[in-house]
N, C-alpha and C. Protein backbone atom coordinates (compact mmCIF):
# COMPACT_ATOMS: atom_id res chain seq x y z
N MET A 1 3.87 -99.77 -12.67
CA MET A 1 2.74 -98.92 -12.35
C MET A 1 2.40 -98.08 -13.58
N ASP A 2 1.14 -98.10 -13.96
CA ASP A 2 0.69 -97.33 -15.11
C ASP A 2 0.59 -95.85 -14.77
N MET A 3 0.98 -95.03 -15.72
CA MET A 3 0.84 -93.58 -15.58
C MET A 3 -0.30 -93.15 -16.49
N TYR A 4 -1.26 -92.49 -15.91
CA TYR A 4 -2.40 -92.03 -16.68
C TYR A 4 -2.28 -90.55 -16.96
N LYS A 5 -2.88 -90.16 -18.07
CA LYS A 5 -2.90 -88.74 -18.45
C LYS A 5 -4.16 -88.09 -17.88
N LEU A 6 -4.12 -86.76 -17.81
CA LEU A 6 -5.27 -85.96 -17.40
C LEU A 6 -5.80 -85.22 -18.60
N GLY A 7 -7.12 -85.16 -18.70
CA GLY A 7 -7.75 -84.40 -19.76
C GLY A 7 -8.85 -83.52 -19.19
N VAL A 8 -9.11 -82.42 -19.86
CA VAL A 8 -10.15 -81.49 -19.43
C VAL A 8 -11.02 -81.16 -20.63
N ILE A 9 -12.33 -81.20 -20.40
CA ILE A 9 -13.30 -80.86 -21.44
C ILE A 9 -14.17 -79.73 -20.91
N GLY A 10 -14.26 -78.66 -21.67
CA GLY A 10 -15.09 -77.55 -21.24
C GLY A 10 -15.01 -76.40 -22.23
N ASP A 11 -15.70 -75.33 -21.90
CA ASP A 11 -15.66 -74.16 -22.77
C ASP A 11 -14.29 -73.50 -22.64
N LYS A 12 -13.93 -72.76 -23.65
CA LYS A 12 -12.58 -72.17 -23.75
C LYS A 12 -12.21 -71.34 -22.52
N ASP A 13 -13.09 -70.52 -22.04
CA ASP A 13 -12.78 -69.65 -20.91
C ASP A 13 -12.56 -70.44 -19.62
N SER A 14 -13.27 -71.54 -19.47
CA SER A 14 -13.19 -72.33 -18.24
C SER A 14 -11.96 -73.22 -18.17
N VAL A 15 -11.40 -73.61 -19.29
CA VAL A 15 -10.30 -74.57 -19.29
C VAL A 15 -8.94 -73.94 -19.62
N LEU A 16 -8.92 -72.64 -19.80
CA LEU A 16 -7.69 -71.94 -20.16
C LEU A 16 -6.57 -72.18 -19.15
N ALA A 17 -6.88 -72.16 -17.87
CA ALA A 17 -5.85 -72.35 -16.83
C ALA A 17 -5.25 -73.75 -16.92
N PHE A 18 -6.08 -74.75 -17.22
CA PHE A 18 -5.57 -76.12 -17.36
C PHE A 18 -4.58 -76.21 -18.53
N LYS A 19 -4.92 -75.54 -19.60
CA LYS A 19 -4.05 -75.55 -20.78
C LYS A 19 -2.70 -74.92 -20.44
N ALA A 20 -2.71 -73.86 -19.66
CA ALA A 20 -1.48 -73.19 -19.26
C ALA A 20 -0.59 -74.11 -18.42
N LEU A 21 -1.21 -75.08 -17.73
CA LEU A 21 -0.46 -76.03 -16.92
C LEU A 21 0.02 -77.24 -17.73
N GLY A 22 -0.33 -77.27 -19.01
CA GLY A 22 0.10 -78.37 -19.86
C GLY A 22 -0.83 -79.56 -19.90
N VAL A 23 -2.02 -79.42 -19.34
CA VAL A 23 -3.00 -80.49 -19.36
C VAL A 23 -3.68 -80.50 -20.73
N ASP A 24 -3.98 -81.70 -21.24
CA ASP A 24 -4.67 -81.80 -22.53
C ASP A 24 -6.09 -81.28 -22.38
N VAL A 25 -6.46 -80.35 -23.25
CA VAL A 25 -7.74 -79.66 -23.17
C VAL A 25 -8.51 -79.84 -24.46
N GLN A 26 -9.82 -80.05 -24.34
CA GLN A 26 -10.70 -80.08 -25.50
C GLN A 26 -11.87 -79.14 -25.24
N THR A 27 -12.27 -78.43 -26.29
CA THR A 27 -13.35 -77.44 -26.15
C THR A 27 -14.45 -77.71 -27.19
N PRO A 28 -15.18 -78.81 -27.02
CA PRO A 28 -16.25 -79.13 -27.97
C PRO A 28 -17.43 -78.17 -27.84
N LEU A 29 -18.17 -78.03 -28.92
CA LEU A 29 -19.32 -77.12 -28.92
C LEU A 29 -20.65 -77.86 -28.92
N THR A 30 -20.78 -78.88 -29.75
CA THR A 30 -22.06 -79.58 -29.87
C THR A 30 -22.09 -80.79 -28.93
N ASP A 31 -23.29 -81.29 -28.66
CA ASP A 31 -23.43 -82.47 -27.81
C ASP A 31 -22.67 -83.66 -28.41
N GLN A 32 -22.74 -83.81 -29.71
CA GLN A 32 -22.03 -84.90 -30.38
C GLN A 32 -20.52 -84.76 -30.18
N GLU A 33 -20.00 -83.55 -30.28
CA GLU A 33 -18.57 -83.32 -30.08
C GLU A 33 -18.17 -83.59 -28.62
N ILE A 34 -19.05 -83.26 -27.68
CA ILE A 34 -18.77 -83.51 -26.26
C ILE A 34 -18.66 -85.02 -26.03
N ARG A 35 -19.65 -85.78 -26.53
CA ARG A 35 -19.62 -87.24 -26.40
C ARG A 35 -18.35 -87.82 -27.02
N LYS A 36 -18.02 -87.34 -28.21
CA LYS A 36 -16.84 -87.82 -28.92
C LYS A 36 -15.57 -87.52 -28.12
N SER A 37 -15.49 -86.35 -27.50
CA SER A 37 -14.32 -85.98 -26.69
C SER A 37 -14.16 -86.92 -25.50
N VAL A 38 -15.25 -87.17 -24.78
CA VAL A 38 -15.19 -88.06 -23.62
C VAL A 38 -14.77 -89.46 -24.05
N ASP A 39 -15.42 -90.00 -25.07
CA ASP A 39 -15.11 -91.35 -25.55
C ASP A 39 -13.67 -91.45 -26.04
N SER A 40 -13.20 -90.43 -26.73
CA SER A 40 -11.85 -90.42 -27.27
C SER A 40 -10.81 -90.41 -26.15
N LEU A 41 -11.00 -89.56 -25.15
CA LEU A 41 -10.06 -89.51 -24.04
C LEU A 41 -10.06 -90.82 -23.27
N ALA A 42 -11.24 -91.40 -23.06
CA ALA A 42 -11.34 -92.68 -22.35
C ALA A 42 -10.60 -93.78 -23.12
N LYS A 43 -10.78 -93.80 -24.42
CA LYS A 43 -10.14 -94.82 -25.26
C LYS A 43 -8.63 -94.64 -25.32
N ASP A 44 -8.18 -93.40 -25.21
CA ASP A 44 -6.76 -93.09 -25.34
C ASP A 44 -5.98 -93.19 -24.02
N GLY A 45 -6.59 -93.78 -23.00
CA GLY A 45 -5.87 -94.06 -21.76
C GLY A 45 -5.79 -92.93 -20.76
N TYR A 46 -6.70 -92.00 -20.80
CA TYR A 46 -6.72 -90.93 -19.81
C TYR A 46 -7.31 -91.49 -18.51
N GLY A 47 -6.62 -91.28 -17.41
CA GLY A 47 -7.07 -91.80 -16.12
C GLY A 47 -8.11 -90.93 -15.46
N VAL A 48 -7.99 -89.63 -15.66
CA VAL A 48 -8.95 -88.67 -15.10
C VAL A 48 -9.37 -87.72 -16.20
N ILE A 49 -10.68 -87.58 -16.33
CA ILE A 49 -11.24 -86.63 -17.29
C ILE A 49 -12.07 -85.63 -16.50
N PHE A 50 -11.61 -84.40 -16.46
CA PHE A 50 -12.38 -83.33 -15.85
C PHE A 50 -13.30 -82.76 -16.93
N ILE A 51 -14.56 -82.56 -16.59
CA ILE A 51 -15.51 -81.98 -17.54
C ILE A 51 -16.38 -80.98 -16.78
N THR A 52 -16.62 -79.85 -17.40
CA THR A 52 -17.45 -78.86 -16.72
C THR A 52 -18.86 -79.41 -16.53
N GLU A 53 -19.47 -79.03 -15.41
CA GLU A 53 -20.81 -79.50 -15.08
C GLU A 53 -21.79 -79.21 -16.21
N GLU A 54 -21.68 -78.03 -16.77
CA GLU A 54 -22.59 -77.60 -17.83
C GLU A 54 -22.55 -78.56 -19.02
N LEU A 55 -21.33 -78.95 -19.46
CA LEU A 55 -21.23 -79.87 -20.59
C LEU A 55 -21.65 -81.27 -20.20
N ALA A 56 -21.30 -81.70 -18.99
CA ALA A 56 -21.67 -83.05 -18.53
C ALA A 56 -23.18 -83.22 -18.49
N MET A 57 -23.90 -82.17 -18.10
CA MET A 57 -25.36 -82.26 -18.02
C MET A 57 -26.00 -82.38 -19.40
N ARG A 58 -25.27 -82.04 -20.44
CA ARG A 58 -25.79 -82.16 -21.80
C ARG A 58 -25.64 -83.58 -22.35
N ILE A 59 -24.80 -84.41 -21.69
CA ILE A 59 -24.58 -85.78 -22.17
C ILE A 59 -24.68 -86.78 -21.02
N PRO A 60 -25.80 -86.81 -20.31
CA PRO A 60 -25.90 -87.67 -19.12
C PRO A 60 -25.69 -89.16 -19.40
N GLU A 61 -26.12 -89.62 -20.57
CA GLU A 61 -25.97 -91.05 -20.88
C GLU A 61 -24.50 -91.43 -21.05
N THR A 62 -23.71 -90.55 -21.59
CA THR A 62 -22.28 -90.82 -21.75
C THR A 62 -21.58 -90.81 -20.40
N ILE A 63 -21.91 -89.86 -19.55
CA ILE A 63 -21.32 -89.79 -18.21
C ILE A 63 -21.69 -91.05 -17.44
N LYS A 64 -22.94 -91.46 -17.51
CA LYS A 64 -23.41 -92.66 -16.80
C LYS A 64 -22.66 -93.90 -17.27
N LYS A 65 -22.34 -93.96 -18.56
CA LYS A 65 -21.64 -95.12 -19.13
C LYS A 65 -20.31 -95.37 -18.42
N TYR A 66 -19.66 -94.32 -17.94
CA TYR A 66 -18.35 -94.46 -17.32
C TYR A 66 -18.40 -94.47 -15.79
N GLU A 67 -19.57 -94.33 -15.19
CA GLU A 67 -19.68 -94.25 -13.74
C GLU A 67 -19.19 -95.50 -13.02
N GLU A 68 -19.40 -96.66 -13.59
CA GLU A 68 -19.02 -97.90 -12.93
C GLU A 68 -17.56 -98.26 -13.16
N ASP A 69 -16.90 -97.62 -14.12
CA ASP A 69 -15.52 -97.92 -14.44
C ASP A 69 -14.58 -97.22 -13.46
N VAL A 70 -13.49 -97.90 -13.13
CA VAL A 70 -12.48 -97.28 -12.28
C VAL A 70 -11.69 -96.26 -13.10
N VAL A 71 -11.37 -96.64 -14.33
CA VAL A 71 -10.63 -95.77 -15.24
C VAL A 71 -11.41 -95.65 -16.53
N PRO A 72 -11.70 -94.50 -17.01
CA PRO A 72 -11.31 -93.21 -16.45
C PRO A 72 -12.27 -92.77 -15.35
N SER A 73 -11.76 -91.95 -14.48
CA SER A 73 -12.59 -91.30 -13.49
C SER A 73 -13.04 -89.97 -14.10
N ILE A 74 -14.34 -89.78 -14.16
CA ILE A 74 -14.86 -88.53 -14.72
C ILE A 74 -15.27 -87.63 -13.57
N VAL A 75 -14.65 -86.46 -13.51
CA VAL A 75 -14.87 -85.53 -12.41
C VAL A 75 -15.51 -84.27 -12.96
N LEU A 76 -16.69 -83.94 -12.40
CA LEU A 76 -17.39 -82.73 -12.82
C LEU A 76 -16.83 -81.53 -12.07
N ILE A 77 -16.52 -80.48 -12.83
CA ILE A 77 -15.97 -79.26 -12.24
C ILE A 77 -16.85 -78.08 -12.66
N PRO A 78 -16.84 -77.02 -11.87
CA PRO A 78 -17.61 -75.83 -12.26
C PRO A 78 -16.95 -75.14 -13.45
N ASN A 79 -17.75 -74.39 -14.18
CA ASN A 79 -17.16 -73.59 -15.25
C ASN A 79 -16.79 -72.22 -14.68
N ASN A 80 -16.36 -71.32 -15.53
CA ASN A 80 -15.90 -70.01 -15.06
C ASN A 80 -17.04 -69.14 -14.50
N LYS A 81 -18.28 -69.55 -14.70
CA LYS A 81 -19.42 -68.78 -14.19
C LYS A 81 -19.88 -69.27 -12.82
N GLY A 82 -19.31 -70.39 -12.36
CA GLY A 82 -19.68 -70.92 -11.04
C GLY A 82 -20.22 -72.33 -11.13
N THR A 83 -20.59 -72.86 -9.99
CA THR A 83 -21.03 -74.25 -9.91
C THR A 83 -22.54 -74.39 -10.08
N LEU A 84 -22.92 -75.53 -10.60
CA LEU A 84 -24.33 -75.90 -10.70
C LEU A 84 -24.70 -76.90 -9.59
N GLY A 85 -23.69 -77.31 -8.81
CA GLY A 85 -23.92 -78.25 -7.71
C GLY A 85 -23.84 -79.72 -8.11
N GLU A 86 -23.70 -80.00 -9.39
CA GLU A 86 -23.68 -81.39 -9.85
C GLU A 86 -22.42 -82.12 -9.40
N GLY A 87 -21.29 -81.46 -9.45
CA GLY A 87 -20.03 -82.09 -9.04
C GLY A 87 -20.08 -82.53 -7.59
N MET A 88 -20.54 -81.66 -6.71
CA MET A 88 -20.64 -82.00 -5.29
C MET A 88 -21.68 -83.08 -5.05
N ARG A 89 -22.76 -83.05 -5.80
CA ARG A 89 -23.79 -84.09 -5.67
C ARG A 89 -23.20 -85.46 -6.01
N LYS A 90 -22.40 -85.53 -7.08
CA LYS A 90 -21.76 -86.79 -7.49
C LYS A 90 -20.78 -87.27 -6.43
N ILE A 91 -20.01 -86.35 -5.87
CA ILE A 91 -19.07 -86.73 -4.81
C ILE A 91 -19.83 -87.29 -3.62
N ASN A 92 -20.89 -86.63 -3.21
CA ASN A 92 -21.70 -87.12 -2.10
C ASN A 92 -22.26 -88.52 -2.37
N GLU A 93 -22.74 -88.75 -3.59
CA GLU A 93 -23.26 -90.07 -3.97
C GLU A 93 -22.18 -91.14 -3.85
N ASN A 94 -20.98 -90.83 -4.36
CA ASN A 94 -19.90 -91.81 -4.33
C ASN A 94 -19.42 -92.09 -2.91
N VAL A 95 -19.34 -91.07 -2.07
CA VAL A 95 -18.94 -91.27 -0.68
C VAL A 95 -19.98 -92.10 0.04
N GLU A 96 -21.24 -91.80 -0.18
CA GLU A 96 -22.31 -92.56 0.47
C GLU A 96 -22.29 -94.01 0.03
N LYS A 97 -22.01 -94.23 -1.24
CA LYS A 97 -21.92 -95.61 -1.77
C LYS A 97 -20.74 -96.33 -1.12
N ALA A 98 -19.61 -95.67 -0.96
CA ALA A 98 -18.42 -96.31 -0.43
C ALA A 98 -18.48 -96.51 1.08
N VAL A 99 -19.01 -95.52 1.80
CA VAL A 99 -18.99 -95.55 3.26
C VAL A 99 -20.28 -96.08 3.84
N GLY A 100 -21.36 -95.93 3.11
CA GLY A 100 -22.66 -96.38 3.60
C GLY A 100 -23.51 -95.27 4.19
N THR A 101 -22.92 -94.09 4.32
CA THR A 101 -23.67 -92.95 4.82
C THR A 101 -23.03 -91.68 4.29
N ASN A 102 -23.78 -90.62 4.26
CA ASN A 102 -23.25 -89.35 3.78
C ASN A 102 -22.53 -88.67 4.93
N ILE A 103 -21.21 -88.54 4.81
CA ILE A 103 -20.43 -87.92 5.87
C ILE A 103 -20.20 -86.44 5.66
N PHE A 104 -20.70 -85.90 4.56
CA PHE A 104 -20.52 -84.47 4.30
C PHE A 104 -21.67 -83.70 4.83
């Protein structure tokens, strides 16, 4: 059974708790750095990549590129200022796709 690593991409204030837990954290600033972080973690065998909604919305084409893949799973999380609703919208889409109806 393969063991996958967890990675988190977001602004410094939002990912500090993950770093304290020993999770690999990246804090890119530019859109190019955000794309590079996602691609790098995906290439390096990370099974789950958490990314703040705010950063994910800046690179929609990169997020879309990984939507059909089982690994890595890209999970949108709120930043320290709160949610933009994108993470829950994605979960609803995936549940509806899997079940055939929105159960939430």
